[in-house]
Amino acid sequence: VAKPAEQTSLIAHFGAQLMYQAGVPFEALQFV
């Protein structure tokens, strides 16, 4: 469960989307 700093949520969201595109399952990584 990944919780980035509140000031940089957008870039963290972008990074999570890249991880999902690379094949990381949603069940393995939750973005909060």
Full PDB file with SEQRES, HELIX, SHEET, SSBOND, CRYST1, ORIGX, SCALE, CONECT and MASTER records, all heavy atoms in Angstrom:
SEQRES   1 A   32  VAL ALA LYS PRO ALA GLU GLN THR SER LEU ILE ALA HIS          
SEQRES   2 A   32  PHE GLY ALA GLN LEU MET TYR GLN ALA GLY VAL PRO PHE          
SEQRES   3 A   32  GLU ALA LEU GLN PHE VAL                                      
HELIX    1 AA1 GLU A    6  THR A    8  5                                   3    
HELIX    2 AA2 SER A    9  GLN A   21  1                                  13    
CRYST1    1.000    1.000    1.000  90.00  90.00  90.00 P 1           1          
ORIGX1      1.000000  0.000000  0.000000        0.00000                         
ORIGX2      0.000000  1.000000  0.000000        0.00000                         
ORIGX3      0.000000  0.000000  1.000000        0.00000                         
SCALE1      1.000000  0.000000  0.000000        0.00000                         
SCALE2      0.000000  1.000000  0.000000        0.00000                         
SCALE3      0.000000  0.000000  1.000000        0.00000                         
ATOM      1  N   VAL A   1       0.883  -1.170   0.000  1.00  0.00           N  
ATOM      2  CA  VAL A   1       0.000   0.000   0.000  1.00  0.00           C  
ATOM      3  C   VAL A   1       0.918   1.216   0.000  1.00  0.00           C  
ATOM      4  O   VAL A   1       1.700   1.417   0.946  1.00  0.00           O  
ATOM      5  CB  VAL A   1      -0.925   0.028   1.225  1.00  0.00           C  
ATOM      6  CG1 VAL A   1      -1.797   1.288   1.194  1.00  0.00           C  
ATOM      7  CG2 VAL A   1      -1.793  -1.217   1.276  1.00  0.00           C  
ATOM      8  N   ALA A   2       0.869   2.008  -1.065  1.00  0.00           N  
ATOM      9  CA  ALA A   2       1.778   3.143  -1.237  1.00  0.00           C  
ATOM     10  C   ALA A   2       1.050   4.445  -0.916  1.00  0.00           C  
ATOM     11  O   ALA A   2       0.007   4.742  -1.506  1.00  0.00           O  
ATOM     12  CB  ALA A   2       2.316   3.185  -2.662  1.00  0.00           C  
ATOM     13  N   LYS A   3       1.617   5.223   0.031  1.00  0.00           N  
ATOM     14  CA  LYS A   3       1.043   6.505   0.405  1.00  0.00           C  
ATOM     15  C   LYS A   3       2.106   7.591   0.235  1.00  0.00           C  
ATOM     16  O   LYS A   3       2.984   7.759   1.070  1.00  0.00           O  
ATOM     17  CB  LYS A   3       0.572   6.454   1.867  1.00  0.00           C  
ATOM     18  CG  LYS A   3      -0.606   7.395   2.199  1.00  0.00           C  
ATOM     19  CD  LYS A   3      -0.304   8.865   2.111  1.00  0.00           C  
ATOM     20  CE  LYS A   3       0.486   9.357   3.295  1.00  0.00           C  
ATOM     21  NZ  LYS A   3       0.650  10.857   3.267  1.00  0.00           N  
ATOM     22  N   PRO A   4       2.059   8.331  -0.866  1.00  0.00           N  
ATOM     23  CA  PRO A   4       3.054   9.400  -1.074  1.00  0.00           C  
ATOM     24  C   PRO A   4       2.735  10.629  -0.232  1.00  0.00           C  
ATOM     25  O   PRO A   4       1.633  10.760   0.322  1.00  0.00           O  
ATOM     26  CB  PRO A   4       2.895   9.706  -2.560  1.00  0.00           C  
ATOM     27  CG  PRO A   4       1.443   9.440  -2.829  1.00  0.00           C  
ATOM     28  CD  PRO A   4       1.083   8.258  -1.960  1.00  0.00           C  
ATOM     29  N   ALA A   5       3.691  11.534  -0.146  1.00  0.00           N  
ATOM     30  CA  ALA A   5       3.448  12.811   0.510  1.00  0.00           C  
ATOM     31  C   ALA A   5       2.307  13.537  -0.189  1.00  0.00           C  
ATOM     32  O   ALA A   5       2.159  13.468  -1.411  1.00  0.00           O  
ATOM     33  CB  ALA A   5       4.712  13.665   0.472  1.00  0.00           C  
ATOM     34  N   GLU A   6       1.504  14.240   0.588  1.00  0.00           N  
ATOM     35  CA  GLU A   6       0.320  14.886   0.015  1.00  0.00           C  
ATOM     36  C   GLU A   6       0.695  15.947  -1.018  1.00  0.00           C  
ATOM     37  O   GLU A   6      -0.079  16.215  -1.943  1.00  0.00           O  
ATOM     38  CB  GLU A   6      -0.516  15.514   1.131  1.00  0.00           C  
ATOM     39  CG  GLU A   6       0.239  16.530   1.971  1.00  0.00           C  
ATOM     40  CD  GLU A   6      -0.552  16.998   3.173  1.00  0.00           C  
ATOM     41  OE1 GLU A   6      -1.569  17.681   2.980  1.00  0.00           O  
ATOM     42  OE2 GLU A   6      -0.152  16.683   4.308  1.00  0.00           O  
ATOM     43  N   GLN A   7       1.900  16.548  -0.888  1.00  0.00           N  
ATOM     44  CA  GLN A   7       2.298  17.602  -1.817  1.00  0.00           C  
ATOM     45  C   GLN A   7       2.622  17.066  -3.206  1.00  0.00           C  
ATOM     46  O   GLN A   7       2.656  17.834  -4.182  1.00  0.00           O  
ATOM     47  CB  GLN A   7       3.519  18.350  -1.284  1.00  0.00           C  
ATOM     48  CG  GLN A   7       3.289  19.102   0.014  1.00  0.00           C  
ATOM     49  CD  GLN A   7       3.696  18.274   1.221  1.00  0.00           C  
ATOM     50  OE1 GLN A   7       3.634  17.050   1.190  1.00  0.00           O  
ATOM     51  NE2 GLN A   7       4.095  18.930   2.288  1.00  0.00           N  
ATOM     52  N   THR A   8       2.883  15.764  -3.335  1.00  0.00           N  
ATOM     53  CA  THR A   8       3.329  15.219  -4.626  1.00  0.00           C  
ATOM     54  C   THR A   8       2.500  14.003  -5.038  1.00  0.00           C  
ATOM     55  O   THR A   8       3.025  13.022  -5.561  1.00  0.00           O  
ATOM     56  CB  THR A   8       4.824  14.845  -4.554  1.00  0.00           C  
ATOM     57  OG1 THR A   8       5.063  14.040  -3.388  1.00  0.00           O  
ATOM     58  CG2 THR A   8       5.699  16.089  -4.480  1.00  0.00           C  
ATOM     59  N   SER A   9       1.210  14.079  -4.820  1.00  0.00           N  
ATOM     60  CA  SER A   9       0.327  12.947  -5.146  1.00  0.00           C  
ATOM     61  C   SER A   9       0.241  12.699  -6.657  1.00  0.00           C  
ATOM     62  O   SER A   9       0.112  11.550  -7.091  1.00  0.00           O  
ATOM     63  CB  SER A   9      -1.078  13.203  -4.594  1.00  0.00           C  
ATOM     64  OG  SER A   9      -1.055  13.296  -3.191  1.00  0.00           O  
ATOM     65  N   LEU A  10       0.317  13.740  -7.464  1.00  0.00           N  
ATOM     66  CA  LEU A  10       0.129  13.574  -8.910  1.00  0.00           C  
ATOM     67  C   LEU A  10       1.258  12.773  -9.543  1.00  0.00           C  
ATOM     68  O   LEU A  10       1.021  11.858 -10.339  1.00  0.00           O  
ATOM     69  CB  LEU A  10      -0.002  14.942  -9.590  1.00  0.00           C  
ATOM     70  CG  LEU A  10      -1.315  15.686  -9.350  1.00  0.00           C  
ATOM     71  CD1 LEU A  10      -1.286  17.054 -10.024  1.00  0.00           C  
ATOM     72  CD2 LEU A  10      -2.501  14.886  -9.868  1.00  0.00           C  
ATOM     73  N   ILE A  11       2.512  13.112  -9.195  1.00  0.00           N  
ATOM     74  CA  ILE A  11       3.629  12.371  -9.792  1.00  0.00           C  
ATOM     75  C   ILE A  11       3.635  10.936  -9.278  1.00  0.00           C  
ATOM     76  O   ILE A  11       3.990  10.007 -10.006  1.00  0.00           O  
ATOM     77  CB  ILE A  11       4.973  13.079  -9.531  1.00  0.00           C  
ATOM     78  CG1 ILE A  11       6.078  12.458 -10.392  1.00  0.00           C  
ATOM     79  CG2 ILE A  11       5.366  13.036  -8.067  1.00  0.00           C  
ATOM     80  CD1 ILE A  11       7.370  13.253 -10.398  1.00  0.00           C  
ATOM     81  N   ALA A  12       3.210  10.727  -8.025  1.00  0.00           N  
ATOM     82  CA  ALA A  12       3.138   9.368  -7.486  1.00  0.00           C  
ATOM     83  C   ALA A  12       2.060   8.563  -8.217  1.00  0.00           C  
ATOM     84  O   ALA A  12       2.247   7.379  -8.523  1.00  0.00           O  
ATOM     85  CB  ALA A  12       2.838   9.414  -5.993  1.00  0.00           C  
ATOM     86  N   HIS A  13       0.946   9.210  -8.518  1.00  0.00           N  
ATOM     87  CA  HIS A  13      -0.115   8.541  -9.284  1.00  0.00           C  
ATOM     88  C   HIS A  13       0.391   8.150 -10.664  1.00  0.00           C  
ATOM     89  O   HIS A  13       0.140   7.039 -11.146  1.00  0.00           O  
ATOM     90  CB  HIS A  13      -1.329   9.470  -9.403  1.00  0.00           C  
ATOM     91  CG  HIS A  13      -2.438   8.905 -10.236  1.00  0.00           C  
ATOM     92  ND1 HIS A  13      -2.558   9.166 -11.590  1.00  0.00           N  
ATOM     93  CD2 HIS A  13      -3.458   8.082  -9.915  1.00  0.00           C  
ATOM     94  CE1 HIS A  13      -3.617   8.526 -12.065  1.00  0.00           C  
ATOM     95  NE2 HIS A  13      -4.177   7.861 -11.065  1.00  0.00           N  
ATOM     96  N   PHE A  14       1.129   9.052 -11.286  1.00  0.00           N  
ATOM     97  CA  PHE A  14       1.717   8.768 -12.596  1.00  0.00           C  
ATOM     98  C   PHE A  14       2.646   7.560 -12.510  1.00  0.00           C  
ATOM     99  O   PHE A  14       2.619   6.663 -13.366  1.00  0.00           O  
ATOM    100  CB  PHE A  14       2.478   9.997 -13.101  1.00  0.00           C  
ATOM    101  CG  PHE A  14       3.198   9.794 -14.401  1.00  0.00           C  
ATOM    102  CD1 PHE A  14       2.507   9.750 -15.605  1.00  0.00           C  
ATOM    103  CD2 PHE A  14       4.580   9.642 -14.428  1.00  0.00           C  
ATOM    104  CE1 PHE A  14       3.169   9.556 -16.806  1.00  0.00           C  
ATOM    105  CE2 PHE A  14       5.255   9.452 -15.629  1.00  0.00           C  
ATOM    106  CZ  PHE A  14       4.544   9.400 -16.819  1.00  0.00           C  
ATOM    107  N   GLY A  15       3.482   7.526 -11.461  1.00  0.00           N  
ATOM    108  CA  GLY A  15       4.379   6.394 -11.282  1.00  0.00           C  
ATOM    109  C   GLY A  15       3.631   5.086 -11.086  1.00  0.00           C  
ATOM    110  O   GLY A  15       4.038   4.043 -11.620  1.00  0.00           O  
ATOM    111  N   ALA A  16       2.547   5.119 -10.331  1.00  0.00           N  
ATOM    112  CA  ALA A  16       1.755   3.901 -10.119  1.00  0.00           C  
ATOM    113  C   ALA A  16       1.158   3.405 -11.426  1.00  0.00           C  
ATOM    114  O   ALA A  16       1.135   2.198 -11.693  1.00  0.00           O  
ATOM    115  CB  ALA A  16       0.649   4.179  -9.098  1.00  0.00           C  
ATOM    116  N   GLN A  17       0.696   4.333 -12.261  1.00  0.00           N  
ATOM    117  CA  GLN A  17       0.119   3.926 -13.545  1.00  0.00           C  
ATOM    118  C   GLN A  17       1.168   3.244 -14.420  1.00  0.00           C  
ATOM    119  O   GLN A  17       0.875   2.266 -15.124  1.00  0.00           O  
ATOM    120  CB  GLN A  17      -0.465   5.144 -14.274  1.00  0.00           C  
ATOM    121  CG  GLN A  17      -1.613   5.822 -13.530  1.00  0.00           C  
ATOM    122  CD  GLN A  17      -2.718   4.837 -13.164  1.00  0.00           C  
ATOM    123  OE1 GLN A  17      -3.208   4.088 -14.016  1.00  0.00           O  
ATOM    124  NE2 GLN A  17      -3.114   4.832 -11.902  1.00  0.00           N  
ATOM    125  N   LEU A  18       2.412   3.749 -14.383  1.00  0.00           N  
ATOM    126  CA  LEU A  18       3.484   3.103 -15.141  1.00  0.00           C  
ATOM    127  C   LEU A  18       3.745   1.688 -14.628  1.00  0.00           C  
ATOM    128  O   LEU A  18       4.013   0.768 -15.412  1.00  0.00           O  
ATOM    129  CB  LEU A  18       4.763   3.930 -15.059  1.00  0.00           C  
ATOM    130  CG  LEU A  18       4.760   5.286 -15.776  1.00  0.00           C  
ATOM    131  CD1 LEU A  18       6.098   5.983 -15.573  1.00  0.00           C  
ATOM    132  CD2 LEU A  18       4.478   5.119 -17.267  1.00  0.00           C  
ATOM    133  N   MET A  19       3.668   1.511 -13.324  1.00  0.00           N  
ATOM    134  CA  MET A  19       3.882   0.177 -12.756  1.00  0.00           C  
ATOM    135  C   MET A  19       2.778  -0.787 -13.191  1.00  0.00           C  
ATOM    136  O   MET A  19       3.045  -1.947 -13.534  1.00  0.00           O  
ATOM    137  CB  MET A  19       3.958   0.254 -11.229  1.00  0.00           C  
ATOM    138  CG  MET A  19       5.180   0.987 -10.718  1.00  0.00           C  
ATOM    139  SD  MET A  19       5.245   1.029  -8.906  1.00  0.00           S  
ATOM    140  CE  MET A  19       6.292   2.464  -8.658  1.00  0.00           C  
ATOM    141  N   TYR A  20       1.542  -0.298 -13.189  1.00  0.00           N  
ATOM    142  CA  TYR A  20       0.431  -1.149 -13.657  1.00  0.00           C  
ATOM    143  C   TYR A  20       0.618  -1.508 -15.129  1.00  0.00           C  
ATOM    144  O   TYR A  20       0.402  -2.653 -15.545  1.00  0.00           O  
ATOM    145  CB  TYR A  20      -0.911  -0.432 -13.457  1.00  0.00           C  
ATOM    146  CG  TYR A  20      -1.289  -0.209 -12.005  1.00  0.00           C  
ATOM    147  CD1 TYR A  20      -1.871   0.991 -11.603  1.00  0.00           C  
ATOM    148  CD2 TYR A  20      -1.066  -1.189 -11.045  1.00  0.00           C  
ATOM    149  CE1 TYR A  20      -2.230   1.198 -10.276  1.00  0.00           C  
ATOM    150  CE2 TYR A  20      -1.416  -0.982  -9.712  1.00  0.00           C  
ATOM    151  CZ  TYR A  20      -2.002   0.221  -9.344  1.00  0.00           C  
ATOM    152  OH  TYR A  20      -2.358   0.429  -8.031  1.00  0.00           O  
ATOM    153  N   GLN A  21       1.032  -0.522 -15.929  1.00  0.00           N  
ATOM    154  CA  GLN A  21       1.266  -0.790 -17.353  1.00  0.00           C  
ATOM    155  C   GLN A  21       2.379  -1.812 -17.558  1.00  0.00           C  
ATOM    156  O   GLN A  21       2.359  -2.594 -18.511  1.00  0.00           O  
ATOM    157  CB  GLN A  21       1.631   0.511 -18.078  1.00  0.00           C  
ATOM    158  CG  GLN A  21       0.487   1.505 -18.191  1.00  0.00           C  
ATOM    159  CD  GLN A  21       0.936   2.818 -18.804  1.00  0.00           C  
ATOM    160  OE1 GLN A  21       1.885   2.861 -19.595  1.00  0.00           O  
ATOM    161  NE2 GLN A  21       0.255   3.903 -18.453  1.00  0.00           N  
ATOM    162  N   ALA A  22       3.339  -1.819 -16.640  1.00  0.00           N  
ATOM    163  CA  ALA A  22       4.463  -2.750 -16.743  1.00  0.00           C  
ATOM    164  C   ALA A  22       4.098  -4.158 -16.290  1.00  0.00           C  
ATOM    165  O   ALA A  22       4.906  -5.076 -16.430  1.00  0.00           O  
ATOM    166  CB  ALA A  22       5.638  -2.238 -15.919  1.00  0.00           C  
ATOM    167  N   GLY A  23       2.890  -4.316 -15.733  1.00  0.00           N  
ATOM    168  CA  GLY A  23       2.442  -5.644 -15.355  1.00  0.00           C  
ATOM    169  C   GLY A  23       2.262  -5.895 -13.880  1.00  0.00           C  
ATOM    170  O   GLY A  23       1.917  -7.018 -13.479  1.00  0.00           O  
ATOM    171  N   VAL A  24       2.502  -4.900 -13.039  1.00  0.00           N  
ATOM    172  CA  VAL A  24       2.254  -5.096 -11.606  1.00  0.00           C  
ATOM    173  C   VAL A  24       0.750  -5.207 -11.378  1.00  0.00           C  
ATOM    174  O   VAL A  24      -0.002  -4.321 -11.781  1.00  0.00           O  
ATOM    175  CB  VAL A  24       2.827  -3.917 -10.778  1.00  0.00           C  
ATOM    176  CG1 VAL A  24       2.468  -4.064  -9.300  1.00  0.00           C  
ATOM    177  CG2 VAL A  24       4.333  -3.827 -10.955  1.00  0.00           C  
ATOM    178  N   PRO A  25       0.273  -6.275 -10.758  1.00  0.00           N  
ATOM    179  CA  PRO A  25      -1.175  -6.448 -10.571  1.00  0.00           C  
ATOM    180  C   PRO A  25      -1.748  -5.407  -9.600  1.00  0.00           C  
ATOM    181  O   PRO A  25      -1.072  -4.989  -8.656  1.00  0.00           O  
ATOM    182  CB  PRO A  25      -1.289  -7.852  -9.970  1.00  0.00           C  
ATOM    183  CG  PRO A  25       0.017  -8.514 -10.239  1.00  0.00           C  
ATOM    184  CD  PRO A  25       1.039  -7.422 -10.258  1.00  0.00           C  
ATOM    185  N   PHE A  26      -2.991  -5.024  -9.842  1.00  0.00           N  
ATOM    186  CA  PHE A  26      -3.666  -4.119  -8.912  1.00  0.00           C  
ATOM    187  C   PHE A  26      -3.718  -4.729  -7.515  1.00  0.00           C  
ATOM    188  O   PHE A  26      -3.663  -4.020  -6.511  1.00  0.00           O  
ATOM    189  CB  PHE A  26      -5.087  -3.817  -9.399  1.00  0.00           C  
ATOM    190  CG  PHE A  26      -5.140  -2.856 -10.552  1.00  0.00           C  
ATOM    191  CD1 PHE A  26      -5.264  -3.331 -11.852  1.00  0.00           C  
ATOM    192  CD2 PHE A  26      -5.080  -1.492 -10.355  1.00  0.00           C  
ATOM    193  CE1 PHE A  26      -5.320  -2.453 -12.921  1.00  0.00           C  
ATOM    194  CE2 PHE A  26      -5.135  -0.604 -11.410  1.00  0.00           C  
ATOM    195  CZ  PHE A  26      -5.253  -1.089 -12.703  1.00  0.00           C  
ATOM    196  N   GLU A  27      -3.849  -6.049  -7.461  1.00  0.00           N  
ATOM    197  CA  GLU A  27      -3.941  -6.719  -6.169  1.00  0.00           C  
ATOM    198  C   GLU A  27      -2.637  -6.623  -5.379  1.00  0.00           C  
ATOM    199  O   GLU A  27      -2.632  -6.763  -4.153  1.00  0.00           O  
ATOM    200  CB  GLU A  27      -4.295  -8.198  -6.358  1.00  0.00           C  
ATOM    201  CG  GLU A  27      -5.670  -8.443  -6.955  1.00  0.00           C  
ATOM    202  CD  GLU A  27      -5.692  -8.266  -8.468  1.00  0.00           C  
ATOM    203  OE1 GLU A  27      -4.598  -8.040  -9.063  1.00  0.00           O  
ATOM    204  OE2 GLU A  27      -6.785  -8.336  -9.057  1.00  0.00           O  
ATOM    205  N   ALA A  28      -1.533  -6.410  -6.077  1.00  0.00           N  
ATOM    206  CA  ALA A  28      -0.233  -6.356  -5.403  1.00  0.00           C  
ATOM    207  C   ALA A  28       0.141  -4.947  -4.987  1.00  0.00           C  
ATOM    208  O   ALA A  28       0.946  -4.766  -4.061  1.00  0.00           O  
ATOM    209  CB  ALA A  28       0.858  -6.915  -6.319  1.00  0.00           C  
ATOM    210  N   LEU A  29      -0.418  -3.934  -5.641  1.00  0.00           N  
ATOM    211  CA  LEU A  29      -0.068  -2.543  -5.350  1.00  0.00           C  
ATOM    212  C   LEU A  29      -1.323  -1.695  -5.271  1.00  0.00           C  
ATOM    213  O   LEU A  29      -2.052  -1.557  -6.257  1.00  0.00           O  
ATOM    214  CB  LEU A  29       0.871  -1.991  -6.425  1.00  0.00           C  
ATOM    215  CG  LEU A  29       1.162  -0.482  -6.369  1.00  0.00           C  
ATOM    216  CD1 LEU A  29       1.826  -0.099  -5.051  1.00  0.00           C  
ATOM    217  CD2 LEU A  29       2.024  -0.059  -7.554  1.00  0.00           C  
ATOM    218  N   GLN A  30      -1.564  -1.145  -4.100  1.00  0.00           N  
ATOM    219  CA  GLN A  30      -2.679  -0.223  -3.910  1.00  0.00           C  
ATOM    220  C   GLN A  30      -2.115   1.170  -3.665  1.00  0.00           C  
ATOM    221  O   GLN A  30      -1.216   1.354  -2.833  1.00  0.00           O  
ATOM    222  CB  GLN A  30      -3.544  -0.662  -2.723  1.00  0.00           C  
ATOM    223  CG  GLN A  30      -4.282  -1.966  -2.951  1.00  0.00           C  
ATOM    224  CD  GLN A  30      -5.359  -1.840  -4.020  1.00  0.00           C  
ATOM    225  OE1 GLN A  30      -6.202  -0.951  -3.967  1.00  0.00           O  
ATOM    226  NE2 GLN A  30      -5.307  -2.732  -5.003  1.00  0.00           N  
ATOM    227  N   PHE A  31      -2.654   2.148  -4.385  1.00  0.00           N  
ATOM    228  CA  PHE A  31      -2.185   3.527  -4.308  1.00  0.00           C  
ATOM    229  C   PHE A  31      -3.189   4.341  -3.495  1.00  0.00           C  
ATOM    230  O   PHE A  31      -4.388   4.355  -3.804  1.00  0.00           O  
ATOM    231  CB  PHE A  31      -2.042   4.091  -5.727  1.00  0.00           C  
ATOM    232  CG  PHE A  31      -1.731   5.559  -5.779  1.00  0.00           C  
ATOM    233  CD1 PHE A  31      -0.473   6.030  -5.441  1.00  0.00           C  
ATOM    234  CD2 PHE A  31      -2.693   6.473  -6.190  1.00  0.00           C  
ATOM    235  CE1 PHE A  31      -0.181   7.380  -5.495  1.00  0.00           C  
ATOM    236  CE2 PHE A  31      -2.413   7.824  -6.254  1.00  0.00           C  
ATOM    237  CZ  PHE A  31      -1.149   8.276  -5.907  1.00  0.00           C  
ATOM    238  N   VAL A  32      -2.702   5.011  -2.429  1.00  0.00           N  
ATOM    239  CA  VAL A  32      -3.584   5.749  -1.528  1.00  0.00           C  
ATOM    240  C   VAL A  32      -3.037   7.165  -1.370  1.00  0.00           C  
ATOM    241  O   VAL A  32      -1.824   7.351  -1.180  1.00  0.00           O  
ATOM    242  CB  VAL A  32      -3.651   5.074  -0.139  1.00  0.00           C  
ATOM    243  CG1 VAL A  32      -4.554   5.868   0.802  1.00  0.00           C  
ATOM    244  CG2 VAL A  32      -4.151   3.642  -0.264  1.00  0.00           C  
TER     245      VAL A  32                                                      
MASTER        0    0    0    2    0    0    0    6  244    1    0    3          
END                                                                             
